[in-house]
């Protein structure tokens, strides 16, 4: 199918295939969301400087596109992505057949100079409207449709006991201002007319694409037909003209006194050189994006990172407010050896309790275990691992009950049945009102778990 236009019209080698044009259109449509995503990532880091830029992204991108596309149209005869695929835009001759094939073969330079767009500024601005203006309007209308015409439930107000009375949120108020009338009219247009316009937009593109595929029309798009422009492949005359223009600009700057190598940074050369460098930046950026996509999708990066961390033995996190961690580990290992069942746990280590910032009461916490394979709460091997937001890993059942405040160890301590903090005066007495049980907190650090039990994350080992 790619060579069907060449088979139907073998004498016109400059006519690009439909698949070349579709690839160019897909690349052109891919650039705006990609730049928006990169800008959004940097906005999260520097919101003070980039938030306004992100909020007005469509307008700023349209202005930047006008500058870039205008330069490429006047210099290379085609748009930014057109030049990447070796395509150009030229006027259509209004004569029988619309072609001058013999003249194109004998005097290609004269034909190129006659058909190029820069001879008429009106042609350049018409193409800019098709390349920048129509996509901008389409993006804004699609965005407005998704925002304002989303399904919304009406409110049942039941006026006078009538349950069938509803309040239409989109109804025009009786005392509406001019701004409200304009907004209402715009929403009415989006709701009633824009869907038909959108369907006609895609249907017309489909019709012209099929006609172009079977060589029934010279235009691949209805908008190119409206402005009398068609897409062509660049030929030898185009490359020679571009090379001659570049040499002329370089010679003009180098011939001036005091320029020399400094001509590279001359104000007259900086703009064209910067815009021309975009031709190299686009393929490099595409290669970089494809490489990152393969890197994160393939198993190679996972295996590489796994091998890099095989020999690392990470220590447990350091918790502020609790000292003597090494003595805790030794004591807990001794307790585990003396009592494998984990019952009647009692530590003779003098710890510093975490104090609540709201109630000013000490919080009941447990010590981190000597081994990362043991649950800090029950001191048994972890069967179903779950992590708190503090980074400690527990058995899911233990941490779930601890955050809910229903774990047996919490209940026994608050009732005074166990004494793990060497407060002999409270032994056998209820600790309610003098201690916090640790409900809603991490069992080791005593810090609050955001979302309580919903903040616990299961760990897949």
Protein backbone atom coordinates (compact mmCIF):
# COMPACT_ATOMS: atom_id res chain seq x y z
CA UNK A 1 0.00 0.00 0.00
CA UNK A 2 2.92 2.36 0.61
CA UNK A 3 3.92 2.26 -3.09
CA UNK A 4 0.37 2.48 -4.43
CA UNK A 5 0.63 6.20 -5.36
CA UNK A 6 3.86 5.50 -7.27
CA UNK A 7 2.21 2.61 -9.15
CA UNK A 8 -0.83 4.68 -10.10
CA UNK A 9 1.26 7.69 -11.11
CA UNK A 10 4.80 6.51 -11.91
CA UNK A 11 5.91 9.83 -13.44
CA UNK A 12 5.47 11.85 -10.24
CA UNK A 13 8.31 10.81 -7.93
CA UNK A 14 7.93 13.94 -5.81
CA UNK A 15 4.52 12.90 -4.48
CA UNK A 16 4.91 11.47 -0.95
CA UNK A 17 2.95 8.42 0.11
CA UNK A 18 0.07 8.65 2.52
CA UNK A 19 2.03 6.76 5.15
CA UNK A 20 4.80 9.36 5.09
CA UNK A 21 2.23 12.07 5.69
CA UNK A 22 0.56 10.10 8.49
CA UNK A 23 3.94 9.57 10.19
CA UNK A 24 4.61 13.31 9.99
CA UNK A 25 1.20 14.11 11.47
CA UNK A 26 1.68 11.65 14.33
CA UNK A 27 5.09 13.12 15.15
CA UNK A 28 3.67 16.64 15.05
CA UNK A 29 0.84 15.61 17.41
CA UNK A 30 3.29 13.88 19.77
CA UNK A 31 5.46 16.95 20.44
CA UNK A 32 2.99 19.13 22.49
CA UNK A 33 2.05 16.49 25.12
CA UNK A 34 5.69 15.42 25.45
CA UNK A 35 6.86 18.97 26.17
CA UNK A 36 3.92 19.45 28.55
CA UNK A 37 4.90 16.31 30.50
CA UNK A 38 8.54 17.42 30.82
CA UNK A 39 7.38 20.88 31.91
CA UNK A 40 5.02 19.36 34.50
CA UNK A 41 7.89 17.33 35.99
CA UNK A 42 10.06 20.42 36.39
CA UNK A 43 7.09 22.41 37.70
CA UNK A 44 6.81 20.01 40.65
CA UNK A 45 10.41 20.90 41.54
CA UNK A 46 10.26 24.63 40.82
CA UNK A 47 6.59 25.65 41.09
CA UNK A 48 7.44 29.24 41.91
CA UNK A 49 8.95 29.84 38.48
CA UNK A 50 7.14 27.40 36.19
CA UNK A 51 3.56 27.20 37.49
CA UNK A 52 2.35 30.14 35.39
CA UNK A 53 4.14 28.75 32.36
CA UNK A 54 2.38 25.40 32.79
CA UNK A 55 -1.02 27.06 33.28
CA UNK A 56 -0.61 28.99 30.00
CA UNK A 57 1.16 26.21 28.14
CA UNK A 58 -1.15 26.10 25.10
CA UNK A 59 -0.79 29.80 24.38
CA UNK A 60 2.99 29.85 24.88
CA UNK A 61 3.45 26.73 22.76
CA UNK A 62 1.36 28.28 19.97
CA UNK A 63 3.50 31.46 19.97
CA UNK A 64 6.71 29.43 19.96
CA UNK A 65 5.37 27.24 17.16
CA UNK A 66 4.60 30.30 15.05
CA UNK A 67 8.21 31.47 15.34
CA UNK A 68 9.69 28.04 14.57
CA UNK A 69 7.29 27.09 11.78
CA UNK A 70 7.58 30.49 10.09
CA UNK A 71 11.35 30.17 9.97
CA UNK A 72 11.20 26.64 8.54
CA UNK A 73 8.56 27.61 5.97
CA UNK A 74 10.58 30.55 4.71
CA UNK A 75 13.94 28.74 4.82
CA UNK A 76 13.22 25.10 3.95
CA UNK A 77 9.79 25.37 2.32
CA UNK A 78 8.11 23.15 4.91
CA UNK A 79 7.28 22.87 8.58
CA UNK A 80 9.49 21.60 11.38
CA UNK A 81 8.32 17.99 11.21
CA UNK A 82 7.91 18.22 7.41
CA UNK A 83 11.61 18.93 7.07
CA UNK A 84 12.42 15.97 9.33
CA UNK A 85 10.74 13.62 6.82
CA UNK A 86 12.22 15.43 3.78
CA UNK A 87 8.91 17.03 2.80
CA UNK A 88 7.99 20.53 1.70
CA UNK A 89 4.89 22.59 0.96
CA UNK A 90 4.29 24.26 -2.37
CA UNK A 91 1.52 26.07 -4.18
CA UNK A 92 -0.72 24.27 -6.65
CA UNK A 93 -0.81 25.56 -10.21
CA UNK A 94 -4.27 26.26 -11.53
CA UNK A 95 -3.94 24.74 -15.00
CA UNK A 96 -5.16 21.63 -16.73
CA UNK A 97 -3.84 18.67 -14.79
CA UNK A 98 -2.15 20.98 -12.31
CA UNK A 99 1.30 19.62 -13.22
CA UNK A 100 4.32 20.81 -15.21
CA UNK A 101 6.26 17.55 -15.23
CA UNK A 102 8.42 18.28 -18.29
CA UNK A 103 9.35 21.71 -16.98
CA UNK A 104 10.17 20.18 -13.57
CA UNK A 105 12.61 17.78 -15.22
CA UNK A 106 14.32 20.35 -17.44
CA UNK A 107 14.35 23.49 -15.26
CA UNK A 108 13.72 22.34 -11.67
CA UNK A 109 15.23 25.46 -10.09
CA UNK A 110 12.89 27.83 -11.96
CA UNK A 111 9.86 25.71 -11.12
CA UNK A 112 10.89 25.59 -7.46
CA UNK A 113 11.28 29.35 -7.29
CA UNK A 114 7.84 29.77 -8.84
CA UNK A 115 6.04 27.36 -6.49
CA UNK A 116 7.76 28.09 -3.18
CA UNK A 117 5.70 29.72 -0.45
CA UNK A 118 8.03 32.52 0.58
CA UNK A 119 7.29 34.47 -2.58
CA UNK A 120 3.92 35.34 -1.06
CA UNK A 121 3.60 36.13 2.65
CA UNK A 122 -0.13 35.34 2.49
CA UNK A 123 0.69 31.71 1.63
CA UNK A 124 3.06 31.49 4.60
CA UNK A 125 0.45 32.79 7.05
CA UNK A 126 -2.25 30.53 5.59
CA UNK A 127 -0.03 27.52 6.22
CA UNK A 128 0.78 28.80 9.71
CA UNK A 129 -2.94 28.93 10.46
CA UNK A 130 -3.33 25.33 9.28
CA UNK A 131 -0.23 24.10 11.13
CA UNK A 132 -0.60 26.07 14.39
CA UNK A 133 -3.98 27.77 14.58
CA UNK A 134 -6.29 24.82 13.84
CA UNK A 135 -4.49 22.37 16.21
CA UNK A 136 -4.56 25.04 18.94
CA UNK A 137 -8.31 25.61 18.52
CA UNK A 138 -8.90 21.85 18.43
CA UNK A 139 -6.98 21.31 21.69
CA UNK A 140 -8.82 24.13 23.46
CA UNK A 141 -12.26 22.96 22.29
CA UNK A 142 -11.55 19.35 23.29
CA UNK A 143 -10.32 20.49 26.70
CA UNK A 144 -13.38 22.72 27.22
CA UNK A 145 -15.70 19.90 26.20
CA UNK A 146 -14.12 17.51 28.72
CA UNK A 147 -14.35 20.12 31.49
CA UNK A 148 -17.74 21.73 30.97
CA UNK A 149 -19.82 19.04 29.27
CA UNK A 150 -18.93 16.15 31.56
CA UNK A 151 -21.96 14.26 32.84
CA UNK A 152 -23.25 16.04 35.93
CA UNK A 153 -26.22 15.08 38.04
CA UNK A 154 -28.99 17.57 38.55
CA UNK A 155 -30.09 18.46 42.06
CA UNK A 156 -33.53 17.47 43.27
CA UNK A 157 -34.87 20.46 45.18
CA UNK A 158 -38.46 19.28 45.65
CA UNK A 159 -40.21 22.65 45.37
CA UNK A 160 -43.63 22.64 46.97
CA UNK A 161 -43.45 18.93 47.73
CA UNK A 162 -43.02 18.07 44.07
CA UNK A 163 -40.23 15.50 43.95
CA UNK A 164 -39.98 15.90 40.16
CA UNK A 165 -38.59 19.44 40.41
CA UNK A 166 -34.92 19.61 39.51
CA UNK A 167 -32.33 22.37 39.47
CA UNK A 168 -30.47 22.57 36.16
CA UNK A 169 -26.94 23.73 36.90
CA UNK A 170 -26.37 24.81 33.29
CA UNK A 171 -29.57 26.86 33.03
CA UNK A 172 -29.20 30.57 32.27
CA UNK A 173 -30.17 32.72 35.32
CA UNK A 174 -32.96 35.22 34.85
CA UNK A 175 -30.72 38.15 35.88
CA UNK A 176 -27.62 36.92 34.00
CA UNK A 177 -24.75 39.28 33.27
CA UNK A 178 -23.05 39.66 29.92
CA UNK A 179 -20.21 37.33 31.00
CA UNK A 180 -22.69 34.67 32.13
CA UNK A 181 -24.54 34.88 28.81
CA UNK A 182 -21.29 34.45 26.87
CA UNK A 183 -20.31 31.42 28.96
CA UNK A 184 -23.79 29.92 28.61
CA UNK A 185 -23.68 30.41 24.82
CA UNK A 186 -20.23 28.79 24.69
CA UNK A 187 -21.41 25.78 26.69
CA UNK A 188 -24.50 25.50 24.50
CA UNK A 189 -22.24 25.46 21.44
CA UNK A 190 -20.04 22.74 22.97
CA UNK A 191 -23.06 20.65 23.91
CA UNK A 192 -25.14 20.92 20.74
CA UNK A 193 -22.95 21.93 17.81
CA UNK A 194 -19.35 20.98 18.52
CA UNK A 195 -19.91 17.17 18.41
CA UNK A 196 -21.19 17.50 14.84
CA UNK A 197 -18.28 19.76 13.88
CA UNK A 198 -15.83 17.30 15.44
CA UNK A 199 -17.37 14.38 13.52
CA UNK A 200 -17.25 16.36 10.25
CA UNK A 201 -13.61 17.25 10.96
CA UNK A 202 -12.49 13.62 11.21
CA UNK A 203 -14.77 12.47 8.38
CA UNK A 204 -13.37 15.07 5.97
CA UNK A 205 -9.82 14.04 6.86
CA UNK A 206 -10.73 10.40 6.19
CA UNK A 207 -12.28 11.26 2.80
CA UNK A 208 -9.27 13.28 1.64
CA UNK A 209 -6.85 10.62 2.89
CA UNK A 210 -8.62 7.91 0.88
CA UNK A 211 -8.78 10.17 -2.15
CA UNK A 212 -5.07 10.93 -1.85
CA UNK A 213 -4.24 7.26 -1.41
CA UNK A 214 -5.97 6.31 -4.67
CA UNK A 215 -4.61 9.39 -6.49
CA UNK A 216 -8.00 11.06 -6.82
CA UNK A 217 -6.81 14.35 -5.33
CA UNK A 218 -3.54 16.21 -4.87
CA UNK A 219 -4.44 17.27 -1.32
CA UNK A 220 -3.98 15.00 1.68
CA UNK A 221 -6.06 17.24 3.95
CA UNK A 222 -9.17 19.40 3.49
CA UNK A 223 -7.35 22.37 5.03
CA UNK A 224 -4.54 22.14 2.45
CA UNK A 225 -7.23 22.11 -0.23
CA UNK A 226 -8.75 25.27 1.21
CA UNK A 227 -5.44 27.19 1.05
CA UNK A 228 -4.26 25.69 -2.25
CA UNK A 229 -1.13 23.99 -0.88
CA UNK A 230 0.08 20.42 -1.24
CA UNK A 231 2.85 18.28 0.22
CA UNK A 232 5.85 17.28 -1.91
CA UNK A 233 9.18 15.55 -1.47
CA UNK A 234 12.28 17.71 -1.46
CA UNK A 235 14.42 17.31 -4.59
CA UNK A 236 18.02 18.13 -5.50
CA UNK A 237 17.14 21.73 -6.37
CA UNK A 238 15.75 22.26 -2.85
CA UNK A 239 18.88 20.93 -1.16
CA UNK A 240 21.12 23.00 -3.42
CA UNK A 241 19.14 26.17 -2.68
CA UNK A 242 19.26 25.56 1.09
CA UNK A 243 23.00 24.88 0.98
CA UNK A 244 23.63 28.01 -1.10
CA UNK A 245 21.60 30.17 1.31
CA UNK A 246 23.55 28.80 4.30
CA UNK A 247 26.89 29.48 2.59
CA UNK A 248 25.81 32.99 1.67
CA UNK A 249 24.91 33.80 5.28
CA UNK A 250 28.21 32.36 6.56
CA UNK A 251 30.23 34.30 3.97
CA UNK A 252 28.38 37.52 4.78
CA UNK A 253 29.24 37.23 8.48
CA UNK A 254 32.82 36.06 7.92
CA UNK A 255 33.53 38.87 5.46
CA UNK A 256 32.84 41.61 7.97
CA UNK A 257 35.77 43.13 9.89
CA UNK A 258 36.26 41.62 13.33
CA UNK A 259 33.83 38.75 12.82
CA UNK A 260 35.81 35.58 11.98
CA UNK A 261 34.99 32.81 14.42
CA UNK A 262 33.01 35.26 16.52
CA UNK A 263 30.47 35.34 13.71
CA UNK A 264 28.96 32.21 15.20
CA UNK A 265 27.72 34.29 18.11
CA UNK A 266 26.63 37.24 15.96
CA UNK A 267 23.01 38.29 16.69
CA UNK A 268 22.09 37.83 13.04
CA UNK A 269 23.40 34.26 13.05
CA UNK A 270 22.36 33.11 16.49
CA UNK A 271 18.64 32.92 15.72
CA UNK A 272 18.88 30.99 12.42
CA UNK A 273 21.54 28.64 13.80
CA UNK A 274 19.51 27.96 16.93
CA UNK A 275 16.35 27.22 14.94
CA UNK A 276 18.25 25.08 12.43
CA UNK A 277 19.75 23.03 15.26
CA UNK A 278 16.24 21.80 16.07
CA UNK A 279 16.57 19.48 13.08
CA UNK A 280 19.26 17.60 15.00
CA UNK A 281 17.58 17.92 18.38
CA UNK A 282 14.39 16.16 17.25
CA UNK A 283 15.94 12.80 16.20
CA UNK A 284 18.25 12.84 19.23
CA UNK A 285 15.32 13.43 21.60
CA UNK A 286 13.27 10.68 19.92
CA UNK A 287 16.18 8.27 20.31
CA UNK A 288 16.54 9.26 23.97
CA UNK A 289 12.83 8.74 24.67
CA UNK A 290 12.83 5.35 22.95
CA UNK A 291 15.93 4.32 24.89
CA UNK A 292 14.33 5.31 28.21
CA UNK A 293 11.14 3.47 27.24
CA UNK A 294 13.15 0.31 26.50
CA UNK A 295 15.26 0.72 29.65
CA UNK A 296 12.29 0.86 32.02
CA UNK A 297 10.23 -1.73 30.12
CA UNK A 298 12.95 -4.35 29.77
CA UNK A 299 14.22 -6.70 32.43
CA UNK A 300 17.84 -5.68 31.82
CA UNK A 301 17.69 -2.63 34.09
CA UNK A 302 16.07 -4.66 36.88
CA UNK A 303 18.74 -7.35 36.71
CA UNK A 304 21.49 -4.72 36.66
CA UNK A 305 20.14 -2.92 39.71
CA UNK A 306 19.64 -6.23 41.49
CA UNK A 307 23.25 -7.22 40.91
CA UNK A 308 24.46 -3.82 42.13
CA UNK A 309 22.64 -4.24 45.45
CA UNK A 310 23.38 -7.92 46.09
CA UNK A 311 26.41 -7.18 48.29
CA UNK A 312 24.80 -4.33 50.24
CA UNK A 313 23.67 -5.00 53.78
CA UNK A 314 21.56 -2.01 54.67
CA UNK A 315 21.31 -1.20 58.40
CA UNK A 316 17.92 -0.51 59.99
CA UNK A 317 16.78 3.13 59.85
CA UNK A 318 17.87 5.40 62.69
CA UNK A 319 14.91 6.62 64.71
CA UNK A 320 15.07 9.92 66.53
CA UNK A 321 13.93 9.81 70.16
CA UNK A 322 15.03 6.23 70.87
CA UNK A 323 18.62 5.48 71.94
CA UNK A 324 20.63 2.39 72.68
CA UNK A 325 19.62 0.56 69.47
CA UNK A 326 22.50 -1.90 69.70
CA UNK A 327 21.55 -2.88 73.22
CA UNK A 328 17.98 -3.40 72.04
CA UNK A 329 19.15 -5.82 69.38
CA UNK A 330 21.19 -7.82 71.87
CA UNK A 331 18.34 -7.89 74.41
CA UNK A 332 15.73 -8.91 71.83
CA UNK A 333 17.99 -11.68 70.50
CA UNK A 334 18.45 -12.96 74.04
CA UNK A 335 14.69 -12.86 74.68
CA UNK A 336 14.01 -14.71 71.44
CA UNK A 337 16.51 -17.40 72.39
CA UNK A 338 15.10 -17.79 75.91
CA UNK A 339 11.46 -17.69 74.85
CA UNK A 340 10.93 -18.76 71.20
CA UNK A 341 7.15 -18.55 71.58
CA UNK A 342 7.34 -14.81 72.10
CA UNK A 343 5.15 -14.82 75.22
CA UNK A 344 5.61 -12.72 78.35
CA UNK A 345 8.02 -10.44 76.53
CA UNK A 346 9.92 -8.25 78.97
CA UNK A 347 13.02 -6.12 78.38
CA UNK A 348 15.26 -4.84 81.14
CA UNK A 349 16.76 -2.20 78.86
CA UNK A 350 16.09 1.34 80.00
CA UNK A 351 14.56 3.12 76.99
CA UNK A 352 13.50 6.70 76.34
CA UNK A 353 9.80 6.78 75.50
CA UNK A 354 8.44 8.82 72.61
CA UNK A 355 6.25 11.65 73.89
CA UNK A 356 3.07 12.60 72.04
CA UNK A 357 3.02 16.20 70.84
CA UNK A 358 -0.73 16.52 71.49
CA UNK A 359 -1.45 14.64 74.72
CA UNK A 360 2.08 14.96 76.17
CA UNK A 361 1.87 11.30 77.19
CA UNK A 362 4.47 8.59 76.53
CA UNK A 363 3.65 6.29 73.62
CA UNK A 364 3.95 2.54 73.91
CA UNK A 365 6.39 1.32 71.24
CA UNK A 366 8.44 -1.80 70.58
CA UNK A 367 12.12 -2.19 69.82
CA UNK A 368 13.37 -3.07 66.34
CA UNK A 369 14.29 -6.79 66.18
CA UNK A 370 17.81 -8.11 65.83
CA UNK A 371 16.96 -9.66 62.46
CA UNK A 372 14.97 -8.12 59.61
CA UNK A 373 13.22 -11.48 59.13
CA UNK A 374 11.37 -11.06 62.45
CA UNK A 375 8.29 -8.97 63.07
CA UNK A 376 9.07 -6.22 65.64
CA UNK A 377 5.69 -6.76 67.35
CA UNK A 378 5.46 -10.54 67.78
CA UNK A 379 9.14 -11.42 67.18
CA UNK A 380 8.08 -14.26 64.88
CA UNK A 381 9.26 -14.73 61.28
CA UNK A 382 7.32 -12.50 58.89
CA UNK A 383 4.88 -14.51 56.77
CA UNK A 384 2.84 -11.71 55.17
CA UNK A 385 5.06 -8.63 54.93
CA UNK A 386 3.61 -5.13 55.20
CA UNK A 387 5.37 -1.78 55.57
CA UNK A 388 4.51 1.42 57.39
CA UNK A 389 5.25 4.85 55.99
CA UNK A 390 8.25 4.98 58.34
CA UNK A 391 9.95 2.15 56.44
CA UNK A 392 9.70 -0.63 59.03
CA UNK A 393 8.34 -3.99 57.88
CA UNK A 394 5.94 -6.02 60.03
CA UNK A 395 3.69 -8.99 59.70
CA UNK A 396 0.51 -7.65 58.13
CA UNK A 397 -1.78 -9.00 60.85
CA UNK A 398 0.33 -7.51 63.64
CA UNK A 399 0.70 -4.02 62.19
CA UNK A 400 -2.97 -3.93 61.16
CA UNK A 401 -4.10 -4.76 64.69
CA UNK A 402 -1.52 -2.38 66.16
CA UNK A 403 -2.71 0.58 64.11
CA UNK A 404 -6.29 -0.28 65.04
CA UNK A 405 -5.24 -0.52 68.70
CA UNK A 406 -6.50 -4.08 69.15
CA UNK A 407 -3.23 -6.04 69.35
CA UNK A 408 -2.89 -8.35 72.39
CA UNK A 409 0.44 -6.81 73.32
CA UNK A 410 -1.07 -3.32 73.41
CA UNK A 411 -4.09 -4.41 75.42
CA UNK A 412 -1.96 -6.29 77.97
CA UNK A 413 0.36 -3.32 78.44
CA UNK A 414 -2.45 -0.79 78.85
CA UNK A 415 -4.15 -3.04 81.43
CA UNK A 416 -0.90 -3.32 83.39
CA UNK A 417 -0.50 -7.04 82.81
CA UNK A 418 2.99 -6.59 81.33
CA UNK A 419 5.80 -4.25 82.25
CA UNK A 420 8.13 -3.49 79.36
CA UNK A 421 9.24 0.00 80.35
CA UNK A 422 10.50 -0.57 83.94
CA UNK A 423 7.69 1.54 85.42
CA UNK A 424 7.30 -0.63 88.52
CA UNK A 425 4.87 1.78 90.08
CA UNK A 426 2.39 1.02 87.28
CA UNK A 427 2.77 -2.73 87.39
CA UNK A 428 -0.62 -4.32 87.83
CA UNK A 429 -2.40 -0.97 87.36
CA UNK A 430 -4.36 0.28 84.41
CA UNK A 431 -2.30 2.71 82.30
CA UNK A 432 -5.24 4.40 80.61
CA UNK A 433 -4.78 8.18 80.78
CA UNK A 434 -1.07 7.88 81.57
CA UNK A 435 0.13 6.16 78.39
CA UNK A 436 -0.92 6.05 74.75
CA UNK A 437 -1.34 2.56 73.39
CA UNK A 438 0.16 3.44 70.00
CA UNK A 439 -3.15 3.30 68.15
CA UNK A 440 -2.82 4.87 64.69
CA UNK A 441 0.98 4.96 64.98
CA UNK A 442 3.98 2.97 63.82
CA UNK A 443 4.82 0.28 66.37
CA UNK A 444 8.56 1.09 66.37
CA UNK A 445 8.83 4.86 65.90
CA UNK A 446 5.54 5.99 67.42
CA UNK A 447 4.90 8.27 64.46
CA UNK A 448 1.39 8.61 63.10
CA UNK A 449 0.47 6.54 60.05
CA UNK A 450 -1.32 8.72 57.54
CA UNK A 451 -4.61 7.10 56.66
CA UNK A 452 -4.20 4.68 59.57
CA UNK A 453 -4.81 1.13 58.27
CA UNK A 454 -5.22 2.37 54.68
CA UNK A 455 -1.68 3.73 54.91
CA UNK A 456 -0.21 0.25 55.34
CA UNK A 457 1.34 -1.14 52.15
CA UNK A 458 1.77 -4.82 51.41
CA UNK A 459 5.31 -5.83 50.44
CA UNK A 460 5.91 -8.36 47.66
CA UNK A 461 9.15 -10.20 48.32
